[in-house]
Amino acid sequence: MPMIRHARRFAAVGSLTAVSVAGLATGAAAHVTANPSTAEQGSFTKVSFRVPNERDNAATTQVRITLPAEHPIEHLSVRQVPGWTVKVEKAKLATPVKTEGGELTEAVSTITWSGGEIEAGRFQEFDVSMGPLPSGVGRMLFKAEQTYSNDEIVKWDQDPGNGGAEPEHPAPSLTLTPKGAAPAPSGNATVPVAATSADDGTARLLGGLGLAAGVLGVGVGGFGLARSRRNA
């Protein structure tokens, strides 16, 4: 009987370890992102702003994306999301921009989705078609604002930087590659290979530890149960 109690306790600890590791991996990636994270300069592209709900006691009820005023977009359209209402606002440019269609004096400044809900443990994607993307620019930042049903507002407006430690609230970013250049790898293209490899190694180590603990706990529990049956 003591052996069975110890086996069950070890199995429970192993399961909790696996769950904790999974939760850590999910929390690390739970922020508003632009997908895909790369596009070609001067092209038209579709960007999906992926918004996960980070709260267990509230739903996301509004999402606002601010476009960079220093890189105005001439053409922009949004895809309808069932259950959500979208509002697109324009603003006058401080300095008009010459385009193929003429002089651009105003451009979309903010896009706001409201009226729907993103429940705990879920995410929603909001698609935007835009172009032409600016040339001679390596990256665009889209500051985001996420509002919850408890009136909490989270601003994703910090520059994610070019590798290293990520800020607490990074803004969604779109890396722009020169026209005709080789496609950039998926994910954040500005992160150095060494940093990416280190992150992958850490994630694999944590995942392996959690899996090993869970398997070991199940094995010990099974051994204890079998021994109890033989004794009986």
Protein backbone atom coordinates (compact mmCIF):
# COMPACT_ATOMS: atom_id res chain seq x y z
CA MET A 1 0.00 0.00 0.00
CA PRO A 2 2.78 2.55 0.76
CA MET A 3 4.28 1.74 -2.65
CA ILE A 4 0.96 2.44 -4.39
CA ARG A 5 0.53 5.77 -2.59
CA HIS A 6 4.05 6.86 -3.58
CA ALA A 7 3.49 5.77 -7.18
CA ARG A 8 0.26 7.71 -7.47
CA ARG A 9 1.83 10.81 -5.91
CA PHE A 10 4.79 10.67 -8.32
CA ALA A 11 2.48 10.24 -11.31
CA ALA A 12 0.45 13.30 -10.23
CA VAL A 13 3.61 15.39 -9.87
CA GLY A 14 4.74 14.31 -13.34
CA SER A 15 1.41 15.30 -14.87
CA LEU A 16 1.48 18.70 -13.17
CA THR A 17 5.02 19.28 -14.44
CA ALA A 18 3.94 18.56 -18.01
CA VAL A 19 0.98 20.91 -17.70
CA SER A 20 3.14 23.67 -16.23
CA VAL A 21 5.64 23.44 -19.09
CA ALA A 22 2.82 23.59 -21.64
CA GLY A 23 1.36 26.65 -19.92
CA LEU A 24 4.75 28.38 -19.95
CA ALA A 25 5.16 27.83 -23.67
CA THR A 26 1.65 29.15 -24.39
CA GLY A 27 2.07 32.28 -22.25
CA ALA A 28 5.37 33.18 -23.92
CA ALA A 29 3.70 33.45 -27.34
CA ALA A 30 0.42 35.04 -26.24
CA HIS A 31 0.56 38.48 -27.82
CA VAL A 32 -0.89 40.23 -30.85
CA THR A 33 1.07 39.37 -34.00
CA ALA A 34 1.04 40.10 -37.74
CA ASN A 35 0.95 36.99 -39.93
CA PRO A 36 2.83 36.40 -42.13
CA SER A 37 5.63 38.39 -40.54
CA THR A 38 7.35 39.26 -43.85
CA ALA A 39 6.33 40.79 -47.18
CA GLU A 40 8.02 42.26 -50.24
CA GLN A 41 8.58 46.00 -50.55
CA GLY A 42 6.25 47.66 -53.05
CA SER A 43 3.85 44.69 -53.09
CA PHE A 44 0.25 44.13 -52.06
CA THR A 45 -0.26 41.66 -49.23
CA LYS A 46 -2.80 40.30 -46.79
CA VAL A 47 -1.90 40.62 -43.13
CA SER A 48 -3.79 38.69 -40.45
CA PHE A 49 -3.63 40.30 -37.03
CA ARG A 50 -3.83 37.35 -34.64
CA VAL A 51 -5.29 38.29 -31.25
CA PRO A 52 -5.23 35.72 -28.42
CA ASN A 53 -7.20 36.22 -25.21
CA GLU A 54 -4.75 36.27 -22.28
CA ARG A 55 -7.32 36.54 -19.48
CA ASP A 56 -9.21 33.74 -17.77
CA ASN A 57 -11.87 36.01 -16.26
CA ALA A 58 -12.67 38.33 -19.18
CA ALA A 59 -13.29 38.27 -22.92
CA THR A 60 -11.66 40.49 -25.54
CA THR A 61 -14.33 42.84 -26.87
CA GLN A 62 -12.38 45.35 -28.98
CA VAL A 63 -9.19 45.40 -31.04
CA ARG A 64 -7.65 48.53 -32.52
CA ILE A 65 -4.73 48.60 -34.94
CA THR A 66 -2.85 51.85 -35.64
CA LEU A 67 -1.02 52.08 -38.95
CA PRO A 68 2.35 53.89 -39.04
CA ALA A 69 1.79 57.48 -40.18
CA GLU A 70 5.35 57.68 -41.54
CA HIS A 71 4.56 54.88 -44.02
CA PRO A 72 1.04 55.61 -45.32
CA ILE A 73 -0.79 52.88 -47.25
CA GLU A 74 -2.63 53.99 -50.38
CA HIS A 75 -5.03 51.06 -50.72
CA LEU A 76 -6.50 49.12 -47.81
CA SER A 77 -9.49 46.86 -47.32
CA VAL A 78 -10.66 44.62 -44.48
CA ARG A 79 -12.33 41.23 -44.44
CA GLN A 80 -15.62 40.95 -42.62
CA VAL A 81 -15.44 38.94 -39.37
CA PRO A 82 -18.75 37.37 -38.31
CA GLY A 83 -20.07 38.97 -35.12
CA TRP A 84 -17.72 41.95 -35.32
CA THR A 85 -18.19 45.51 -36.57
CA VAL A 86 -15.23 47.24 -38.17
CA LYS A 87 -14.52 50.97 -38.31
CA VAL A 88 -11.82 52.38 -40.60
CA GLU A 89 -10.61 55.90 -39.91
CA LYS A 90 -8.44 58.12 -42.10
CA ALA A 91 -6.19 61.03 -41.21
CA LYS A 92 -4.55 63.80 -43.23
CA LEU A 93 -0.87 63.35 -43.88
CA ALA A 94 1.54 65.96 -42.58
CA THR A 95 3.37 65.73 -45.91
CA PRO A 96 1.58 64.56 -49.07
CA VAL A 97 3.07 61.51 -50.76
CA LYS A 98 3.40 61.08 -54.52
CA THR A 99 2.04 57.77 -55.82
CA GLU A 100 1.34 56.22 -59.21
CA GLY A 101 -2.28 57.28 -58.85
CA GLY A 102 -1.44 60.86 -57.95
CA GLU A 103 -0.79 62.72 -54.72
CA LEU A 104 -1.82 61.03 -51.50
CA THR A 105 -3.03 63.56 -48.94
CA GLU A 106 -4.75 61.21 -46.47
CA ALA A 107 -4.49 57.56 -45.51
CA VAL A 108 -6.01 55.02 -43.12
CA SER A 109 -4.78 55.69 -39.60
CA THR A 110 -6.71 53.21 -37.44
CA ILE A 111 -8.84 50.08 -37.81
CA THR A 112 -11.15 49.12 -34.93
CA TRP A 113 -13.06 45.87 -34.52
CA SER A 114 -15.74 45.75 -31.83
CA GLY A 115 -19.01 44.06 -30.90
CA GLY A 116 -17.68 40.52 -30.84
CA GLU A 117 -15.95 38.44 -28.17
CA ILE A 118 -12.77 36.39 -27.94
CA GLU A 119 -13.28 34.05 -25.02
CA ALA A 120 -10.62 32.71 -22.65
CA GLY A 121 -8.31 30.19 -24.29
CA ARG A 122 -9.21 31.30 -27.83
CA PHE A 123 -7.90 33.67 -30.49
CA GLN A 124 -9.27 35.53 -33.48
CA GLU A 125 -7.65 36.67 -36.73
CA PHE A 126 -8.53 39.97 -38.41
CA ASP A 127 -7.51 40.13 -42.08
CA VAL A 128 -6.39 43.31 -43.82
CA SER A 129 -5.36 43.65 -47.46
CA MET A 130 -2.95 46.52 -48.04
CA GLY A 131 -0.55 47.99 -50.55
CA PRO A 132 1.57 49.00 -52.12
CA LEU A 133 3.94 48.54 -49.20
CA PRO A 134 6.68 51.17 -48.84
CA SER A 135 10.03 50.67 -50.56
CA GLY A 136 13.37 51.31 -48.92
CA VAL A 137 11.88 50.44 -45.53
CA GLY A 138 12.94 47.36 -43.57
CA ARG A 139 10.02 47.08 -41.18
CA MET A 140 6.57 48.38 -40.31
CA LEU A 141 5.14 48.46 -36.78
CA PHE A 142 1.39 48.29 -36.16
CA LYS A 143 0.58 49.39 -32.63
CA ALA A 144 -2.36 47.43 -31.21
CA GLU A 145 -4.81 48.06 -28.39
CA GLN A 146 -6.77 45.18 -26.84
CA THR A 147 -9.84 45.90 -24.70
CA TYR A 148 -11.39 43.34 -22.34
CA SER A 149 -14.93 43.00 -21.01
CA ASN A 150 -13.74 44.13 -17.56
CA ASP A 151 -12.62 47.47 -19.10
CA GLU A 152 -8.93 46.52 -18.97
CA ILE A 153 -6.92 47.87 -21.91
CA VAL A 154 -3.63 46.30 -22.97
CA LYS A 155 -1.44 48.26 -25.38
CA TRP A 156 0.88 46.29 -27.65
CA ASP A 157 3.03 49.23 -28.70
CA GLN A 158 6.64 48.45 -27.78
CA ASP A 159 9.33 48.06 -30.44
CA PRO A 160 10.21 44.33 -30.51
CA GLY A 161 13.79 45.22 -31.50
CA ASN A 162 16.13 43.14 -33.63
CA GLY A 163 16.69 40.12 -31.42
CA GLY A 164 17.57 39.66 -27.79
CA ALA A 165 15.06 40.00 -25.00
CA GLU A 166 11.53 40.74 -26.19
CA PRO A 167 9.64 43.56 -24.45
CA GLU A 168 6.57 42.81 -22.37
CA HIS A 169 4.12 44.26 -24.90
CA PRO A 170 5.68 44.04 -28.41
CA ALA A 171 3.84 45.69 -31.28
CA PRO A 172 2.90 43.52 -34.27
CA SER A 173 5.60 43.96 -36.90
CA LEU A 174 5.97 43.28 -40.62
CA THR A 175 9.48 42.83 -42.01
CA LEU A 176 9.83 44.16 -45.56
CA THR A 177 12.30 42.48 -47.91
CA PRO A 178 13.74 44.09 -51.08
CA LYS A 179 11.88 43.27 -54.27
CA GLY A 180 13.12 40.03 -55.79
CA ALA A 181 15.01 38.97 -52.65
CA ALA A 182 14.85 35.39 -51.38
CA PRO A 183 11.87 34.77 -49.08
CA ALA A 184 12.67 35.35 -45.42
CA PRO A 185 12.19 32.46 -42.97
CA SER A 186 8.86 32.26 -41.18
CA GLY A 187 8.49 33.94 -37.78
CA ASN A 188 10.36 37.08 -36.78
CA ALA A 189 12.91 37.50 -39.57
CA THR A 190 14.86 40.10 -37.62
CA VAL A 191 15.91 37.63 -34.92
CA PRO A 192 19.49 36.36 -35.44
CA VAL A 193 19.93 32.66 -36.17
CA ALA A 194 21.90 32.16 -32.94
CA ALA A 195 19.12 33.68 -30.85
CA THR A 196 16.49 31.59 -32.63
CA SER A 197 18.47 28.41 -32.09
CA ALA A 198 18.88 29.20 -28.39
CA ASP A 199 15.14 29.81 -28.01
CA ASP A 200 14.32 26.54 -29.81
CA GLY A 201 16.80 24.65 -27.62
CA THR A 202 15.26 26.04 -24.44
CA ALA A 203 11.74 25.20 -25.57
CA ARG A 204 12.75 21.65 -26.51
CA LEU A 205 14.53 21.14 -23.19
CA LEU A 206 11.49 22.31 -21.18
CA GLY A 207 9.16 20.19 -23.29
CA GLY A 208 11.42 17.15 -22.91
CA LEU A 209 11.61 17.53 -19.14
CA GLY A 210 7.83 17.76 -18.84
CA LEU A 211 7.28 14.75 -21.12
CA ALA A 212 9.91 12.66 -19.32
CA ALA A 213 8.42 13.47 -15.92
CA GLY A 214 4.95 12.52 -17.13
CA VAL A 215 6.11 9.22 -18.68
CA LEU A 216 8.14 8.32 -15.58
CA GLY A 217 5.15 9.03 -13.33
CA VAL A 218 2.87 6.81 -15.44
CA GLY A 219 5.48 4.03 -15.44
CA VAL A 220 5.93 4.07 -11.67
CA GLY A 221 2.19 4.16 -11.14
CA GLY A 222 1.72 1.15 -13.42
CA PHE A 223 4.48 -0.76 -11.62
CA GLY A 224 2.87 -0.10 -8.23
CA LEU A 225 -0.55 -1.17 -9.48
CA ALA A 226 0.82 -4.40 -10.96
CA ARG A 227 2.66 -5.24 -7.75
CA SER A 228 -0.50 -4.60 -5.71
CA ARG A 229 -2.44 -7.03 -7.89
CA ARG A 230 0.22 -9.72 -7.53
CA ASN A 231 0.21 -9.35 -3.74
CA ALA A 232 -3.54 -9.60 -3.72
